[in-house]
Amino acid sequence: MPAASSTSTIAWFSDLGLADIDQVGGKNASLGEMIQKLHGAGVAVPNGFAVSVVAYWDFVEANGLQKKIAATLDEYKQGRQSLTEVGQAIRTEFLNGDLPAARGCDSEPTPTMRPKPSNG
């Protein structure tokens, strides 16, 4: 049963599994699966959280990043900027973006996240 709902903005890795690929992507779902399957075997996999696909696209849309990314990539394709410069420019756009109001969330996002307590 998927742990991340289609309106969730974040989900803890320990609550995720392969059934959540559509909500959080393959890498995040795989980390959740590893935590669930390997914790009992004594393998330490650090916990963390995944940003949902919905939250990612809300952020991209709210900050007009699709057009900015496309324009920046065009600079690379036309040889006016290096891949390093383009990567830095795109990262800067993400870092300077504003978080949109979270779906179904009445509180403001916090600048830091504390790790979820482990069950071990």
PDB file of N, CA and C in Angstrom:
ATOM      1  N   MET A   1       0.844  -1.180   0.000  1.00  0.00           N
ATOM      2  CA  MET A   1       0.000   0.000   0.000  1.00  0.00           C
ATOM      3  C   MET A   1       0.891   1.245   0.000  1.00  0.00           C
ATOM      4  N   PRO A   2       0.709   2.158  -0.930  1.00  0.00           N
ATOM      5  CA  PRO A   2       1.559   3.334  -0.985  1.00  0.00           C
ATOM      6  C   PRO A   2       1.443   4.186   0.272  1.00  0.00           C
ATOM      7  N   ALA A   3       2.593   4.679   0.754  1.00  0.00           N
ATOM      8  CA  ALA A   3       2.610   5.519   1.953  1.00  0.00           C
ATOM      9  C   ALA A   3       2.407   6.987   1.618  1.00  0.00           C
ATOM     10  N   ALA A   4       2.763   7.380   0.415  1.00  0.00           N
ATOM     11  CA  ALA A   4       2.637   8.784   0.021  1.00  0.00           C
ATOM     12  C   ALA A   4       1.342   8.961  -0.751  1.00  0.00           C
ATOM     13  N   SER A   5       0.533   9.910  -0.317  1.00  0.00           N
ATOM     14  CA  SER A   5      -0.704  10.174  -1.049  1.00  0.00           C
ATOM     15  C   SER A   5      -0.416  11.148  -2.179  1.00  0.00           C
ATOM     16  N   SER A   6      -1.342  11.282  -3.098  1.00  0.00           N
ATOM     17  CA  SER A   6      -1.128  12.159  -4.243  1.00  0.00           C
ATOM     18  C   SER A   6      -1.110  13.624  -3.844  1.00  0.00           C
ATOM     19  N   THR A   7      -1.505  13.946  -2.608  1.00  0.00           N
ATOM     20  CA  THR A   7      -1.468  15.337  -2.162  1.00  0.00           C
ATOM     21  C   THR A   7      -0.395  15.582  -1.101  1.00  0.00           C
ATOM     22  N   SER A   8       0.350  14.557  -0.687  1.00  0.00           N
ATOM     23  CA  SER A   8       1.426  14.732   0.290  1.00  0.00           C
ATOM     24  C   SER A   8       2.550  15.543  -0.334  1.00  0.00           C
ATOM     25  N   THR A   9       3.204  16.350   0.486  1.00  0.00           N
ATOM     26  CA  THR A   9       4.342  17.098  -0.028  1.00  0.00           C
ATOM     27  C   THR A   9       5.670  16.443   0.338  1.00  0.00           C
ATOM     28  N   ILE A  10       5.729  15.790   1.495  1.00  0.00           N
ATOM     29  CA  ILE A  10       6.921  15.024   1.860  1.00  0.00           C
ATOM     30  C   ILE A  10       6.482  13.692   2.463  1.00  0.00           C
ATOM     31  N   ALA A  11       7.388  12.750   2.433  1.00  0.00           N
ATOM     32  CA  ALA A  11       7.172  11.460   3.086  1.00  0.00           C
ATOM     33  C   ALA A  11       8.525  10.965   3.579  1.00  0.00           C
ATOM     34  N   TRP A  12       8.543  10.381   4.763  1.00  0.00           N
ATOM     35  CA  TRP A  12       9.780   9.813   5.306  1.00  0.00           C
ATOM     36  C   TRP A  12      10.163   8.581   4.512  1.00  0.00           C
ATOM     37  N   PHE A  13      11.464   8.399   4.271  1.00  0.00           N
ATOM     38  CA  PHE A  13      11.929   7.212   3.555  1.00  0.00           C
ATOM     39  C   PHE A  13      11.418   5.938   4.214  1.00  0.00           C
ATOM     40  N   SER A  14      11.412   5.918   5.547  1.00  0.00           N
ATOM     41  CA  SER A  14      11.000   4.702   6.263  1.00  0.00           C
ATOM     42  C   SER A  14       9.527   4.362   6.034  1.00  0.00           C
ATOM     43  N   ASP A  15       8.765   5.313   5.505  1.00  0.00           N
ATOM     44  CA  ASP A  15       7.353   5.068   5.209  1.00  0.00           C
ATOM     45  C   ASP A  15       7.119   4.737   3.740  1.00  0.00           C
ATOM     46  N   LEU A  16       8.184   4.695   2.962  1.00  0.00           N
ATOM     47  CA  LEU A  16       8.057   4.492   1.518  1.00  0.00           C
ATOM     48  C   LEU A  16       8.506   3.107   1.086  1.00  0.00           C
ATOM     49  N   GLY A  17       7.998   2.693  -0.053  1.00  0.00           N
ATOM     50  CA  GLY A  17       8.415   1.447  -0.669  1.00  0.00           C
ATOM     51  C   GLY A  17       8.256   1.569  -2.169  1.00  0.00           C
ATOM     52  N   LEU A  18       8.501   0.478  -2.864  1.00  0.00           N
ATOM     53  CA  LEU A  18       8.448   0.507  -4.323  1.00  0.00           C
ATOM     54  C   LEU A  18       7.068   0.866  -4.862  1.00  0.00           C
ATOM     55  N   ALA A  19       6.027   0.660  -4.075  1.00  0.00           N
ATOM     56  CA  ALA A  19       4.677   1.032  -4.506  1.00  0.00           C
ATOM     57  C   ALA A  19       4.509   2.549  -4.600  1.00  0.00           C
ATOM     58  N   ASP A  20       5.489   3.311  -4.089  1.00  0.00           N
ATOM     59  CA  ASP A  20       5.394   4.769  -4.061  1.00  0.00           C
ATOM     60  C   ASP A  20       6.174   5.462  -5.180  1.00  0.00           C
ATOM     61  N   ILE A  21       6.658   4.705  -6.141  1.00  0.00           N
ATOM     62  CA  ILE A  21       7.465   5.287  -7.220  1.00  0.00           C
ATOM     63  C   ILE A  21       6.748   6.433  -7.914  1.00  0.00           C
ATOM     64  N   ASP A  22       5.472   6.286  -8.199  1.00  0.00           N
ATOM     65  CA  ASP A  22       4.732   7.349  -8.897  1.00  0.00           C
ATOM     66  C   ASP A  22       4.622   8.621  -8.072  1.00  0.00           C
ATOM     67  N   GLN A  23       4.671   8.519  -6.750  1.00  0.00           N
ATOM     68  CA  GLN A  23       4.516   9.698  -5.898  1.00  0.00           C
ATOM     69  C   GLN A  23       5.838  10.379  -5.554  1.00  0.00           C
ATOM     70  N   VAL A  24       6.935   9.601  -5.467  1.00  0.00           N
ATOM     71  CA  VAL A  24       8.203  10.186  -5.005  1.00  0.00           C
ATOM     72  C   VAL A  24       9.401   9.851  -5.890  1.00  0.00           C
ATOM     73  N   GLY A  25       9.194   9.111  -6.953  1.00  0.00           N
ATOM     74  CA  GLY A  25      10.296   8.745  -7.836  1.00  0.00           C
ATOM     75  C   GLY A  25      10.996   7.479  -7.397  1.00  0.00           C
ATOM     76  N   GLY A  26      11.747   6.915  -8.316  1.00  0.00           N
ATOM     77  CA  GLY A  26      12.393   5.628  -8.088  1.00  0.00           C
ATOM     78  C   GLY A  26      13.469   5.617  -7.032  1.00  0.00           C
ATOM     79  N   LYS A  27      14.333   6.636  -7.024  1.00  0.00           N
ATOM     80  CA  LYS A  27      15.429   6.655  -6.052  1.00  0.00           C
ATOM     81  C   LYS A  27      14.888   6.759  -4.622  1.00  0.00           C
ATOM     82  N   ASN A  28      13.929   7.652  -4.400  1.00  0.00           N
ATOM     83  CA  ASN A  28      13.353   7.805  -3.063  1.00  0.00           C
ATOM     84  C   ASN A  28      12.611   6.551  -2.621  1.00  0.00           C
ATOM     85  N   ALA A  29      11.832   5.974  -3.525  1.00  0.00           N
ATOM     86  CA  ALA A  29      11.101   4.744  -3.185  1.00  0.00           C
ATOM     87  C   ALA A  29      12.077   3.610  -2.875  1.00  0.00           C
ATOM     88  N   SER A  30      13.177   3.543  -3.618  1.00  0.00           N
ATOM     89  CA  SER A  30      14.180   2.501  -3.381  1.00  0.00           C
ATOM     90  C   SER A  30      14.870   2.683  -2.032  1.00  0.00           C
ATOM     91  N   LEU A  31      15.145   3.932  -1.654  1.00  0.00           N
ATOM     92  CA  LEU A  31      15.727   4.177  -0.332  1.00  0.00           C
ATOM     93  C   LEU A  31      14.773   3.717   0.770  1.00  0.00           C
ATOM     94  N   GLY A  32      13.499   4.001   0.592  1.00  0.00           N
ATOM     95  CA  GLY A  32      12.506   3.538   1.559  1.00  0.00           C
ATOM     96  C   GLY A  32      12.460   2.025   1.636  1.00  0.00           C
ATOM     97  N   GLU A  33      12.499   1.389   0.497  1.00  0.00           N
ATOM     98  CA  GLU A  33      12.487  -0.073   0.443  1.00  0.00           C
ATOM     99  C   GLU A  33      13.714  -0.642   1.145  1.00  0.00           C
ATOM    100  N   MET A  34      14.878  -0.025   0.929  1.00  0.00           N
ATOM    101  CA  MET A  34      16.102  -0.488   1.582  1.00  0.00           C
ATOM    102  C   MET A  34      16.001  -0.362   3.095  1.00  0.00           C
ATOM    103  N   ILE A  35      15.479   0.766   3.563  1.00  0.00           N
ATOM    104  CA  ILE A  35      15.333   0.957   5.012  1.00  0.00           C
ATOM    105  C   ILE A  35      14.419  -0.113   5.588  1.00  0.00           C
ATOM    106  N   GLN A  36      13.294  -0.356   4.937  1.00  0.00           N
ATOM    107  CA  GLN A  36      12.338  -1.342   5.444  1.00  0.00           C
ATOM    108  C   GLN A  36      12.902  -2.764   5.417  1.00  0.00           C
ATOM    109  N   LYS A  37      13.589  -3.116   4.347  1.00  0.00           N
ATOM    110  CA  LYS A  37      14.059  -4.503   4.192  1.00  0.00           C
ATOM    111  C   LYS A  37      15.373  -4.780   4.911  1.00  0.00           C
ATOM    112  N   LEU A  38      16.261  -3.775   5.011  1.00  0.00           N
ATOM    113  CA  LEU A  38      17.592  -4.031   5.549  1.00  0.00           C
ATOM    114  C   LEU A  38      17.756  -3.680   7.022  1.00  0.00           C
ATOM    115  N   HIS A  39      16.844  -2.869   7.574  1.00  0.00           N
ATOM    116  CA  HIS A  39      16.956  -2.473   8.982  1.00  0.00           C
ATOM    117  C   HIS A  39      16.973  -3.700   9.892  1.00  0.00           C
ATOM    118  N   GLY A  40      16.085  -4.632   9.634  1.00  0.00           N
ATOM    119  CA  GLY A  40      16.007  -5.844  10.455  1.00  0.00           C
ATOM    120  C   GLY A  40      17.232  -6.728  10.341  1.00  0.00           C
ATOM    121  N   ALA A  41      17.984  -6.588   9.247  1.00  0.00           N
ATOM    122  CA  ALA A  41      19.195  -7.381   9.036  1.00  0.00           C
ATOM    123  C   ALA A  41      20.426  -6.683   9.620  1.00  0.00           C
ATOM    124  N   GLY A  42      20.218  -5.544  10.264  1.00  0.00           N
ATOM    125  CA  GLY A  42      21.321  -4.830  10.891  1.00  0.00           C
ATOM    126  C   GLY A  42      22.071  -3.887   9.972  1.00  0.00           C
ATOM    127  N   VAL A  43      21.572  -3.682   8.768  1.00  0.00           N
ATOM    128  CA  VAL A  43      22.222  -2.760   7.844  1.00  0.00           C
ATOM    129  C   VAL A  43      21.685  -1.356   8.099  1.00  0.00           C
ATOM    130  N   ALA A  44      22.586  -0.427   8.374  1.00  0.00           N
ATOM    131  CA  ALA A  44      22.180   0.950   8.672  1.00  0.00           C
ATOM    132  C   ALA A  44      22.011   1.736   7.376  1.00  0.00           C
ATOM    133  N   VAL A  45      20.803   2.171   7.127  1.00  0.00           N
ATOM    134  CA  VAL A  45      20.504   3.046   5.996  1.00  0.00           C
ATOM    135  C   VAL A  45      19.943   4.325   6.613  1.00  0.00           C
ATOM    136  N   PRO A  46      20.611   5.469   6.386  1.00  0.00           N
ATOM    137  CA  PRO A  46      20.132   6.711   7.011  1.00  0.00           C
ATOM    138  C   PRO A  46      18.723   7.061   6.566  1.00  0.00           C
ATOM    139  N   ASN A  47      17.902   7.506   7.514  1.00  0.00           N
ATOM    140  CA  ASN A  47      16.553   7.941   7.186  1.00  0.00           C
ATOM    141  C   ASN A  47      16.617   9.356   6.635  1.00  0.00           C
ATOM    142  N   GLY A  48      15.588   9.758   6.000  1.00  0.00           N
ATOM    143  CA  GLY A  48      15.479  11.096   5.437  1.00  0.00           C
ATOM    144  C   GLY A  48      14.075  11.249   4.905  1.00  0.00           C
ATOM    145  N   PHE A  49      13.869  12.249   4.088  1.00  0.00           N
ATOM    146  CA  PHE A  49      12.540  12.438   3.532  1.00  0.00           C
ATOM    147  C   PHE A  49      12.610  12.698   2.038  1.00  0.00           C
ATOM    148  N   ALA A  50      11.525  12.404   1.382  1.00  0.00           N
ATOM    149  CA  ALA A  50      11.388  12.611  -0.052  1.00  0.00           C
ATOM    150  C   ALA A  50      10.386  13.725  -0.299  1.00  0.00           C
ATOM    151  N   VAL A  51      10.692  14.554  -1.259  1.00  0.00           N
ATOM    152  CA  VAL A  51       9.742  15.558  -1.724  1.00  0.00           C
ATOM    153  C   VAL A  51       8.905  14.889  -2.803  1.00  0.00           C
ATOM    154  N   SER A  52       7.601  15.022  -2.701  1.00  0.00           N
ATOM    155  CA  SER A  52       6.731  14.354  -3.662  1.00  0.00           C
ATOM    156  C   SER A  52       6.833  14.989  -5.041  1.00  0.00           C
ATOM    157  N   VAL A  53       6.453  14.229  -6.036  1.00  0.00           N
ATOM    158  CA  VAL A  53       6.407  14.716  -7.408  1.00  0.00           C
ATOM    159  C   VAL A  53       5.469  15.917  -7.494  1.00  0.00           C
ATOM    160  N   VAL A  54       4.342  15.853  -6.796  1.00  0.00           N
ATOM    161  CA  VAL A  54       3.376  16.954  -6.787  1.00  0.00           C
ATOM    162  C   VAL A  54       4.024  18.219  -6.233  1.00  0.00           C
ATOM    163  N   ALA A  55       4.737  18.104  -5.113  1.00  0.00           N
ATOM    164  CA  ALA A  55       5.377  19.272  -4.505  1.00  0.00           C
ATOM    165  C   ALA A  55       6.469  19.829  -5.406  1.00  0.00           C
ATOM    166  N   TYR A  56       7.236  18.949  -6.047  1.00  0.00           N
ATOM    167  CA  TYR A  56       8.289  19.387  -6.961  1.00  0.00           C
ATOM    168  C   TYR A  56       7.693  20.220  -8.096  1.00  0.00           C
ATOM    169  N   TRP A  57       6.657  19.690  -8.759  1.00  0.00           N
ATOM    170  CA  TRP A  57       6.063  20.415  -9.888  1.00  0.00           C
ATOM    171  C   TRP A  57       5.336  21.675  -9.442  1.00  0.00           C
ATOM    172  N   ASP A  58       4.765  21.676  -8.235  1.00  0.00           N
ATOM    173  CA  ASP A  58       4.175  22.909  -7.694  1.00  0.00           C
ATOM    174  C   ASP A  58       5.251  23.987  -7.554  1.00  0.00           C
ATOM    175  N   PHE A  59       6.421  23.596  -7.058  1.00  0.00           N
ATOM    176  CA  PHE A  59       7.542  24.519  -6.884  1.00  0.00           C
ATOM    177  C   PHE A  59       8.024  25.037  -8.240  1.00  0.00           C
ATOM    178  N   VAL A  60       8.210  24.129  -9.185  1.00  0.00           N
ATOM    179  CA  VAL A  60       8.672  24.512 -10.523  1.00  0.00           C
ATOM    180  C   VAL A  60       7.690  25.491 -11.162  1.00  0.00           C
ATOM    181  N   GLU A  61       6.406  25.168 -11.083  1.00  0.00           N
ATOM    182  CA  GLU A  61       5.385  26.027 -11.690  1.00  0.00           C
ATOM    183  C   GLU A  61       5.296  27.390 -11.005  1.00  0.00           C
ATOM    184  N   ALA A  62       5.304  27.388  -9.671  1.00  0.00           N
ATOM    185  CA  ALA A  62       5.166  28.634  -8.914  1.00  0.00           C
ATOM    186  C   ALA A  62       6.318  29.604  -9.178  1.00  0.00           C
ATOM    187  N   ASN A  63       7.476  29.068  -9.557  1.00  0.00           N
ATOM    188  CA  ASN A  63       8.651  29.901  -9.779  1.00  0.00           C
ATOM    189  C   ASN A  63       9.006  30.081 -11.254  1.00  0.00           C
ATOM    190  N   GLY A  64       8.135  29.598 -12.134  1.00  0.00           N
ATOM    191  CA  GLY A  64       8.377  29.746 -13.567  1.00  0.00           C
ATOM    192  C   GLY A  64       9.678  29.110 -14.029  1.00  0.00           C
ATOM    193  N   LEU A  65      10.043  27.995 -13.402  1.00  0.00           N
ATOM    194  CA  LEU A  65      11.347  27.400 -13.675  1.00  0.00           C
ATOM    195  C   LEU A  65      11.440  26.684 -15.013  1.00  0.00           C
ATOM    196  N   GLN A  66      10.346  26.171 -15.552  1.00  0.00           N
ATOM    197  CA  GLN A  66      10.438  25.454 -16.828  1.00  0.00           C
ATOM    198  C   GLN A  66      10.997  26.346 -17.922  1.00  0.00           C
ATOM    199  N   LYS A  67      10.505  27.555 -18.032  1.00  0.00           N
ATOM    200  CA  LYS A  67      11.001  28.478 -19.060  1.00  0.00           C
ATOM    201  C   LYS A  67      12.439  28.898 -18.774  1.00  0.00           C
ATOM    202  N   LYS A  68      12.760  29.118 -17.498  1.00  0.00           N
ATOM    203  CA  LYS A  68      14.115  29.522 -17.129  1.00  0.00           C
ATOM    204  C   LYS A  68      15.115  28.405 -17.424  1.00  0.00           C
ATOM    205  N   ILE A  69      14.729  27.174 -17.126  1.00  0.00           N
ATOM    206  CA  ILE A  69      15.610  26.031 -17.389  1.00  0.00           C
ATOM    207  C   ILE A  69      15.803  25.863 -18.893  1.00  0.00           C
ATOM    208  N   ALA A  70      14.716  25.941 -19.648  1.00  0.00           N
ATOM    209  CA  ALA A  70      14.804  25.796 -21.104  1.00  0.00           C
ATOM    210  C   ALA A  70      15.712  26.872 -21.704  1.00  0.00           C
ATOM    211  N   ALA A  71      15.575  28.112 -21.247  1.00  0.00           N
ATOM    212  CA  ALA A  71      16.405  29.200 -21.758  1.00  0.00           C
ATOM    213  C   ALA A  71      17.874  28.982 -21.406  1.00  0.00           C
ATOM    214  N   THR A  72      18.122  28.517 -20.195  1.00  0.00           N
ATOM    215  CA  THR A  72      19.491  28.270 -19.757  1.00  0.00           C
ATOM    216  C   THR A  72      20.108  27.127 -20.550  1.00  0.00           C
ATOM    217  N   LEU A  73      19.349  26.070 -20.796  1.00  0.00           N
ATOM    218  CA  LEU A  73      19.856  24.956 -21.598  1.00  0.00           C
ATOM    219  C   LEU A  73      20.128  25.380 -23.037  1.00  0.00           C
ATOM    220  N   ASP A  74      19.335  26.292 -23.556  1.00  0.00           N
ATOM    221  CA  ASP A  74      19.585  26.827 -24.901  1.00  0.00           C
ATOM    222  C   ASP A  74      20.941  27.533 -24.960  1.00  0.00           C
ATOM    223  N   GLU A  75      21.295  28.227 -23.886  1.00  0.00           N
ATOM    224  CA  GLU A  75      22.605  28.886 -23.822  1.00  0.00           C
ATOM    225  C   GLU A  75      23.718  27.844 -23.976  1.00  0.00           C
ATOM    226  N   TYR A  76      23.554  26.708 -23.347  1.00  0.00           N
ATOM    227  CA  TYR A  76      24.541  25.625 -23.448  1.00  0.00           C
ATOM    228  C   TYR A  76      24.559  25.053 -24.861  1.00  0.00           C
ATOM    229  N   LYS A  77      23.373  24.753 -25.384  1.00  0.00           N
ATOM    230  CA  LYS A  77      23.288  24.159 -26.724  1.00  0.00           C
ATOM    231  C   LYS A  77      23.896  25.064 -27.792  1.00  0.00           C
ATOM    232  N   GLN A  78      23.801  26.370 -27.582  1.00  0.00           N
ATOM    233  CA  GLN A  78      24.347  27.321 -28.553  1.00  0.00           C
ATOM    234  C   GLN A  78      25.810  27.673 -28.268  1.00  0.00           C
ATOM    235  N   GLY A  79      26.402  27.013 -27.262  1.00  0.00           N
ATOM    236  CA  GLY A  79      27.818  27.198 -26.969  1.00  0.00           C
ATOM    237  C   GLY A  79      28.163  28.484 -26.238  1.00  0.00           C
ATOM    238  N   ARG A  80      27.165  29.156 -25.684  1.00  0.00           N
ATOM    239  CA  ARG A  80      27.428  30.422 -24.990  1.00  0.00           C
ATOM    240  C   ARG A  80      27.763  30.224 -23.512  1.00  0.00           C
ATOM    241  N   GLN A  81      27.421  29.065 -22.961  1.00  0.00           N
ATOM    242  CA  GLN A  81      27.763  28.746 -21.578  1.00  0.00           C
ATOM    243  C   GLN A  81      28.222  27.305 -21.504  1.00  0.00           C
ATOM    244  N   SER A  82      29.113  27.050 -20.546  1.00  0.00           N
ATOM    245  CA  SER A  82      29.585  25.680 -20.328  1.00  0.00           C
ATOM    246  C   SER A  82      28.539  24.898 -19.531  1.00  0.00           C
ATOM    247  N   LEU A  83      28.686  23.595 -19.515  1.00  0.00           N
ATOM    248  CA  LEU A  83      27.788  22.754 -18.736  1.00  0.00           C
ATOM    249  C   LEU A  83      27.863  23.110 -17.256  1.00  0.00           C
ATOM    250  N   THR A  84      29.060  23.419 -16.776  1.00  0.00           N
ATOM    251  CA  THR A  84      29.231  23.826 -15.376  1.00  0.00           C
ATOM    252  C   THR A  84      28.458  25.106 -15.083  1.00  0.00           C
ATOM    253  N   GLU A  85      28.552  26.080 -15.982  1.00  0.00           N
ATOM    254  CA  GLU A  85      27.843  27.344 -15.791  1.00  0.00           C
ATOM    255  C   GLU A  85      26.333  27.149 -15.819  1.00  0.00           C
ATOM    256  N   VAL A  86      25.878  26.317 -16.729  1.00  0.00           N
ATOM    257  CA  VAL A  86      24.442  26.056 -16.860  1.00  0.00           C
ATOM    258  C   VAL A  86      23.932  25.336 -15.612  1.00  0.00           C
ATOM    259  N   GLY A  87      24.670  24.335 -15.162  1.00  0.00           N
ATOM    260  CA  GLY A  87      24.270  23.616 -13.953  1.00  0.00           C
ATOM    261  C   GLY A  87      24.178  24.533 -12.752  1.00  0.00           C
ATOM    262  N   GLN A  88      25.164  25.409 -12.604  1.00  0.00           N
ATOM    263  CA  GLN A  88      25.152  26.362 -11.491  1.00  0.00           C
ATOM    264  C   GLN A  88      23.980  27.326 -11.598  1.00  0.00           C
ATOM    265  N   ALA A  89      23.704  27.799 -12.809  1.00  0.00           N
ATOM    266  CA  ALA A  89      22.591  28.738 -13.004  1.00  0.00           C
ATOM    267  C   ALA A  89      21.255  28.090 -12.648  1.00  0.00           C
ATOM    268  N   ILE A  90      21.069  26.837 -13.044  1.00  0.00           N
ATOM    269  CA  ILE A  90      19.810  26.137 -12.747  1.00  0.00           C
ATOM    270  C   ILE A  90      19.696  25.877 -11.249  1.00  0.00           C
ATOM    271  N   ARG A  91      20.795  25.450 -10.619  1.00  0.00           N
ATOM    272  CA  ARG A  91      20.770  25.246  -9.158  1.00  0.00           C
ATOM    273  C   ARG A  91      20.417  26.546  -8.447  1.00  0.00           C
ATOM    274  N   THR A  92      20.970  27.654  -8.900  1.00  0.00           N
ATOM    275  CA  THR A  92      20.690  28.954  -8.289  1.00  0.00           C
ATOM    276  C   THR A  92      19.215  29.307  -8.412  1.00  0.00           C
ATOM    277  N   GLU A  93      18.610  29.029  -9.554  1.00  0.00           N
ATOM    278  CA  GLU A  93      17.178  29.287  -9.740  1.00  0.00           C
ATOM    279  C   GLU A  93      16.361  28.500  -8.707  1.00  0.00           C
ATOM    280  N   PHE A  94      16.716  27.230  -8.494  1.00  0.00           N
ATOM    281  CA  PHE A  94      16.003  26.422  -7.507  1.00  0.00           C
ATOM    282  C   PHE A  94      16.218  26.967  -6.100  1.00  0.00           C
ATOM    283  N   LEU A  95      17.453  27.317  -5.767  1.00  0.00           N
ATOM    284  CA  LEU A  95      17.752  27.820  -4.428  1.00  0.00           C
ATOM    285  C   LEU A  95      17.082  29.163  -4.151  1.00  0.00           C
ATOM    286  N   ASN A  96      16.891  29.961  -5.169  1.00  0.00           N
ATOM    287  CA  ASN A  96      16.267  31.272  -4.996  1.00  0.00           C
ATOM    288  C   ASN A  96      14.746  31.233  -5.114  1.00  0.00           C
ATOM    289  N   GLY A  97      14.197  30.079  -5.419  1.00  0.00           N
ATOM    290  CA  GLY A  97      12.750  29.951  -5.567  1.00  0.00           C
ATOM    291  C   GLY A  97      12.025  30.069  -4.236  1.00  0.00           C
ATOM    292  N   ASP A  98      10.777  30.468  -4.322  1.00  0.00           N
ATOM    293  CA  ASP A  98       9.925  30.564  -3.135  1.00  0.00           C
ATOM    294  C   ASP A  98       9.050  29.322  -3.045  1.00  0.00           C
ATOM    295  N   LEU A  99       8.894  28.809  -1.836  1.00  0.00           N
ATOM    296  CA  LEU A  99       8.029  27.649  -1.636  1.00  0.00           C
ATOM    297  C   LEU A  99       6.571  28.079  -1.730  1.00  0.00           C
ATOM    298  N   PRO A 100       5.817  27.429  -2.593  1.00  0.00           N
ATOM    299  CA  PRO A 100       4.389  27.737  -2.647  1.00  0.00           C
ATOM    300  C   PRO A 100       3.693  27.150  -1.429  1.00  0.00           C
ATOM    301  N   ALA A 101       2.500  27.608  -1.146  1.00  0.00           N
ATOM    302  CA  ALA A 101       1.730  27.041  -0.036  1.00  0.00           C
ATOM    303  C   ALA A 101       1.554  25.551  -0.279  1.00  0.00           C
ATOM    304  N   ALA A 102       1.805  24.770   0.752  1.00  0.00           N
ATOM    305  CA  ALA A 102       1.677  23.322   0.629  1.00  0.00           C
ATOM    306  C   ALA A 102       0.212  22.934   0.531  1.00  0.00           C
ATOM    307  N   ARG A 103      -0.065  21.963  -0.289  1.00  0.00           N
ATOM    308  CA  ARG A 103      -1.436  21.477  -0.424  1.00  0.00           C
ATOM    309  C   ARG A 103      -1.888  20.848   0.887  1.00  0.00           C
ATOM    310  N   GLY A 104      -2.995  21.304   1.394  1.00  0.00           N
ATOM    311  CA  GLY A 104      -3.559  20.723   2.604  1.00  0.00           C
ATOM    312  C   GLY A 104      -2.745  21.002   3.848  1.00  0.00           C
ATOM    313  N   CYS A 105      -1.926  22.043   3.824  1.00  0.00           N
ATOM    314  CA  CYS A 105      -1.064  22.352   4.963  1.00  0.00           C
ATOM    315  C   CYS A 105      -1.333  23.783   5.410  1.00  0.00           C
ATOM    316  N   ASP A 106      -1.661  23.976   6.676  1.00  0.00           N
ATOM    317  CA  ASP A 106      -1.963  25.300   7.197  1.00  0.00           C
ATOM    318  C   ASP A 106      -0.727  26.017   7.735  1.00  0.00           C
ATOM    319  N   SER A 107       0.373  25.287   7.942  1.00  0.00           N
ATOM    320  CA  SER A 107       1.556  25.912   8.528  1.00  0.00           C
ATOM    321  C   SER A 107       2.570  26.244   7.445  1.00  0.00           C
ATOM    322  N   GLU A 108       3.445  27.182   7.775  1.00  0.00           N
ATOM    323  CA  GLU A 108       4.508  27.571   6.867  1.00  0.00           C
ATOM    324  C   GLU A 108       5.597  26.502   6.907  1.00  0.00           C
ATOM    325  N   PRO A 109       6.287  26.272   5.789  1.00  0.00           N
ATOM    326  CA  PRO A 109       7.399  25.323   5.818  1.00  0.00           C
ATOM    327  C   PRO A 109       8.524  25.836   6.706  1.00  0.00           C
ATOM    328  N   THR A 110       9.217  24.934   7.372  1.00  0.00           N
ATOM    329  CA  THR A 110      10.327  25.321   8.239  1.00  0.00           C
ATOM    330  C   THR A 110      11.624  25.232   7.454  1.00  0.00           C
ATOM    331  N   PRO A 111      12.627  26.052   7.801  1.00  0.00           N
ATOM    332  CA  PRO A 111      13.870  26.047   7.045  1.00  0.00           C
ATOM    333  C   PRO A 111      14.721  24.803   7.284  1.00  0.00           C
ATOM    334  N   THR A 112      14.477  24.080   8.356  1.00  0.00           N
ATOM    335  CA  THR A 112      15.242  22.860   8.623  1.00  0.00           C
ATOM    336  C   THR A 112      14.279  21.734   8.958  1.00  0.00           C
ATOM    337  N   MET A 113      14.722  20.541   8.703  1.00  0.00           N
ATOM    338  CA  MET A 113      13.931  19.359   9.037  1.00  0.00           C
ATOM    339  C   MET A 113      14.724  18.548  10.045  1.00  0.00           C
ATOM    340  N   ARG A 114      14.088  18.151  11.110  1.00  0.00           N
ATOM    341  CA  ARG A 114      14.739  17.282  12.086  1.00  0.00           C
ATOM    342  C   ARG A 114      14.472  15.832  11.666  1.00  0.00           C
ATOM    343  N   PRO A 115      15.473  14.958  11.841  1.00  0.00           N
ATOM    344  CA  PRO A 115      15.262  13.567  11.457  1.00  0.00           C
ATOM    345  C   PRO A 115      14.118  12.942  12.247  1.00  0.00           C
ATOM    346  N   LYS A 116      13.382  12.094  11.582  1.00  0.00           N
ATOM    347  CA  LYS A 116      12.319  11.335  12.245  1.00  0.00           C
ATOM    348  C   LYS A 116      12.999  10.354  13.196  1.00  0.00           C
ATOM    349  N   PRO A 117      12.504  10.229  14.421  1.00  0.00           N
ATOM    350  CA  PRO A 117      13.112   9.264  15.350  1.00  0.00           C
ATOM    351  C   PRO A 117      13.068   7.864  14.769  1.00  0.00           C
ATOM    352  N   SER A 118      14.154   7.130  14.948  1.00  0.00           N
ATOM    353  CA  SER A 118      14.193   5.754  14.423  1.00  0.00           C
ATOM    354  C   SER A 118      13.406   4.830  15.342  1.00  0.00           C
ATOM    355  N   ASN A 119      12.948   3.740  14.770  1.00  0.00           N
ATOM    356  CA  ASN A 119      12.194   2.751  15.528  1.00  0.00           C
ATOM    357  C   ASN A 119      13.103   1.650  16.052  1.00  0.00           C
ATOM    358  N   GLY A 120      14.407   1.830  15.920  1.00  0.00           N
ATOM    359  CA  GLY A 120      15.353   0.782  16.296  1.00  0.00           C
ATOM    360  C   GLY A 120      16.056   1.133  17.487  1.00  0.00           C
TER     361      GLY A 120
END
